């Protein structure tokens, strides 16, 4: 589970970079008044943001499972920490 959790975290980092790149492209298309490109980039942004949000949901559920397993197996007291500013979830 933890290996999948770390892999999903890496994917979120990549998706955040992709979103930043698309936002830059959108801003350039808007400044250059290229409406067809703006629309296309908006659609791509919506899809990438949707995928990222699904990863966040998966991460949160997986983090809860990891916490439960650690408590059962090792008696560890673990908290799930979320940072909405950094869009980060850690166990």
C-alpha atoms as a PDB file:
ATOM      1  CA  UNK A   1       0.000   0.000   0.000  1.00  0.00           C
ATOM      2  CA  UNK A   2       2.735   2.451   0.921  1.00  0.00           C
ATOM      3  CA  UNK A   3       4.509   1.848  -2.382  1.00  0.00           C
ATOM      4  CA  UNK A   4       1.293   2.674  -4.259  1.00  0.00           C
ATOM      5  CA  UNK A   5       0.822   5.716  -2.031  1.00  0.00           C
ATOM      6  CA  UNK A   6       4.284   7.040  -2.906  1.00  0.00           C
ATOM      7  CA  UNK A   7       3.722   6.357  -6.600  1.00  0.00           C
ATOM      8  CA  UNK A   8       0.443   8.277  -6.523  1.00  0.00           C
ATOM      9  CA  UNK A   9       2.202  11.181  -4.790  1.00  0.00           C
ATOM     10  CA  UNK A  10       4.753  11.268  -7.598  1.00  0.00           C
ATOM     11  CA  UNK A  11       1.945  11.320 -10.152  1.00  0.00           C
ATOM     12  CA  UNK A  12       0.347  14.296  -8.415  1.00  0.00           C
ATOM     13  CA  UNK A  13       3.642  16.178  -8.606  1.00  0.00           C
ATOM     14  CA  UNK A  14       3.790  15.479 -12.345  1.00  0.00           C
ATOM     15  CA  UNK A  15       0.154  16.490 -12.815  1.00  0.00           C
ATOM     16  CA  UNK A  16       0.751  19.753 -10.939  1.00  0.00           C
ATOM     17  CA  UNK A  17       3.657  20.524 -13.283  1.00  0.00           C
ATOM     18  CA  UNK A  18       1.437  19.728 -16.270  1.00  0.00           C
ATOM     19  CA  UNK A  19      -1.263  22.066 -14.928  1.00  0.00           C
ATOM     20  CA  UNK A  20       1.257  24.894 -14.516  1.00  0.00           C
ATOM     21  CA  UNK A  21       2.489  24.385 -18.076  1.00  0.00           C
ATOM     22  CA  UNK A  22      -1.072  24.401 -19.429  1.00  0.00           C
ATOM     23  CA  UNK A  23      -1.888  27.550 -17.455  1.00  0.00           C
ATOM     24  CA  UNK A  24       1.128  29.291 -19.005  1.00  0.00           C
ATOM     25  CA  UNK A  25       0.042  28.180 -22.481  1.00  0.00           C
ATOM     26  CA  UNK A  26      -3.491  29.392 -21.804  1.00  0.00           C
ATOM     27  CA  UNK A  27      -2.262  32.787 -20.653  1.00  0.00           C
ATOM     28  CA  UNK A  28      -0.128  33.126 -23.807  1.00  0.00           C
ATOM     29  CA  UNK A  29      -3.033  32.110 -26.050  1.00  0.00           C
ATOM     30  CA  UNK A  30      -5.261  34.611 -24.272  1.00  0.00           C
ATOM     31  CA  UNK A  31      -2.718  37.424 -24.631  1.00  0.00           C
ATOM     32  CA  UNK A  32      -2.320  36.590 -28.336  1.00  0.00           C
ATOM     33  CA  UNK A  33      -6.135  36.459 -28.718  1.00  0.00           C
ATOM     34  CA  UNK A  34      -6.099  32.919 -30.096  1.00  0.00           C
ATOM     35  CA  UNK A  35      -9.563  31.761 -29.039  1.00  0.00           C
ATOM     36  CA  UNK A  36      -9.509  28.253 -30.574  1.00  0.00           C
ATOM     37  CA  UNK A  37      -6.309  27.465 -28.686  1.00  0.00           C
ATOM     38  CA  UNK A  38      -7.749  28.929 -25.484  1.00  0.00           C
ATOM     39  CA  UNK A  39     -10.737  26.594 -25.668  1.00  0.00           C
ATOM     40  CA  UNK A  40      -8.589  23.546 -26.387  1.00  0.00           C
ATOM     41  CA  UNK A  41      -6.263  24.338 -23.493  1.00  0.00           C
ATOM     42  CA  UNK A  42      -9.218  24.932 -21.146  1.00  0.00           C
ATOM     43  CA  UNK A  43     -10.521  21.466 -21.968  1.00  0.00           C
ATOM     44  CA  UNK A  44      -7.122  19.908 -21.332  1.00  0.00           C
ATOM     45  CA  UNK A  45      -6.834  21.777 -18.043  1.00  0.00           C
ATOM     46  CA  UNK A  46     -10.226  20.494 -16.934  1.00  0.00           C
ATOM     47  CA  UNK A  47      -9.244  16.901 -17.712  1.00  0.00           C
ATOM     48  CA  UNK A  48      -5.847  17.080 -15.995  1.00  0.00           C
ATOM     49  CA  UNK A  49      -7.354  18.769 -12.925  1.00  0.00           C
ATOM     50  CA  UNK A  50     -10.038  16.071 -12.794  1.00  0.00           C
ATOM     51  CA  UNK A  51      -7.423  13.319 -12.922  1.00  0.00           C
ATOM     52  CA  UNK A  52      -5.426  15.064 -10.189  1.00  0.00           C
ATOM     53  CA  UNK A  53      -8.538  15.303  -8.008  1.00  0.00           C
ATOM     54  CA  UNK A  54      -9.150  11.573  -8.421  1.00  0.00           C
ATOM     55  CA  UNK A  55      -5.562  10.907  -7.316  1.00  0.00           C
ATOM     56  CA  UNK A  56      -6.197  13.068  -4.230  1.00  0.00           C
ATOM     57  CA  UNK A  57      -9.254  11.003  -3.353  1.00  0.00           C
ATOM     58  CA  UNK A  58      -7.284   7.784  -3.844  1.00  0.00           C
ATOM     59  CA  UNK A  59      -4.431   9.117  -1.702  1.00  0.00           C
ATOM     60  CA  UNK A  60      -6.708  10.092   1.140  1.00  0.00           C
ATOM     61  CA  UNK A  61      -8.414   6.690   1.211  1.00  0.00           C
ATOM     62  CA  UNK A  62      -5.072   4.904   0.985  1.00  0.00           C
ATOM     63  CA  UNK A  63      -3.637   7.054   3.783  1.00  0.00           C
ATOM     64  CA  UNK A  64      -6.563   6.066   6.014  1.00  0.00           C
ATOM     65  CA  UNK A  65      -5.921   2.386   5.260  1.00  0.00           C
ATOM     66  CA  UNK A  66      -2.201   2.755   5.993  1.00  0.00           C
ATOM     67  CA  UNK A  67      -2.964   4.415   9.327  1.00  0.00           C
ATOM     68  CA  UNK A  68      -5.354   1.616  10.292  1.00  0.00           C
ATOM     69  CA  UNK A  69      -2.843  -1.084   9.314  1.00  0.00           C
ATOM     70  CA  UNK A  70      -0.008   0.564  11.242  1.00  0.00           C
ATOM     71  CA  UNK A  71      -2.208   0.873  14.312  1.00  0.00           C
ATOM     72  CA  UNK A  72      -3.269  -2.779  14.114  1.00  0.00           C
ATOM     73  CA  UNK A  73       0.159  -4.228  13.334  1.00  0.00           C
ATOM     74  CA  UNK A  74       2.558  -2.017  15.258  1.00  0.00           C
ATOM     75  CA  UNK A  75       0.405   0.016  17.624  1.00  0.00           C
ATOM     76  CA  UNK A  76       1.716   3.191  15.984  1.00  0.00           C
ATOM     77  CA  UNK A  77      -0.179   6.408  16.457  1.00  0.00           C
ATOM     78  CA  UNK A  78      -0.156   8.062  13.048  1.00  0.00           C
ATOM     79  CA  UNK A  79      -1.984  11.154  11.871  1.00  0.00           C
ATOM     80  CA  UNK A  80      -2.962  12.110   8.349  1.00  0.00           C
ATOM     81  CA  UNK A  81      -1.717  15.617   7.633  1.00  0.00           C
ATOM     82  CA  UNK A  82      -3.157  17.548   4.718  1.00  0.00           C
ATOM     83  CA  UNK A  83      -1.779  20.846   3.492  1.00  0.00           C
ATOM     84  CA  UNK A  84      -4.277  22.497   1.176  1.00  0.00           C
ATOM     85  CA  UNK A  85      -1.835  25.252   0.247  1.00  0.00           C
ATOM     86  CA  UNK A  86       0.738  22.756  -1.016  1.00  0.00           C
ATOM     87  CA  UNK A  87      -1.902  20.241  -2.136  1.00  0.00           C
ATOM     88  CA  UNK A  88      -0.063  17.615  -0.148  1.00  0.00           C
ATOM     89  CA  UNK A  89      -1.141  14.593   1.863  1.00  0.00           C
ATOM     90  CA  UNK A  90       1.335  12.762   4.075  1.00  0.00           C
ATOM     91  CA  UNK A  91       1.207   9.923   6.577  1.00  0.00           C
END
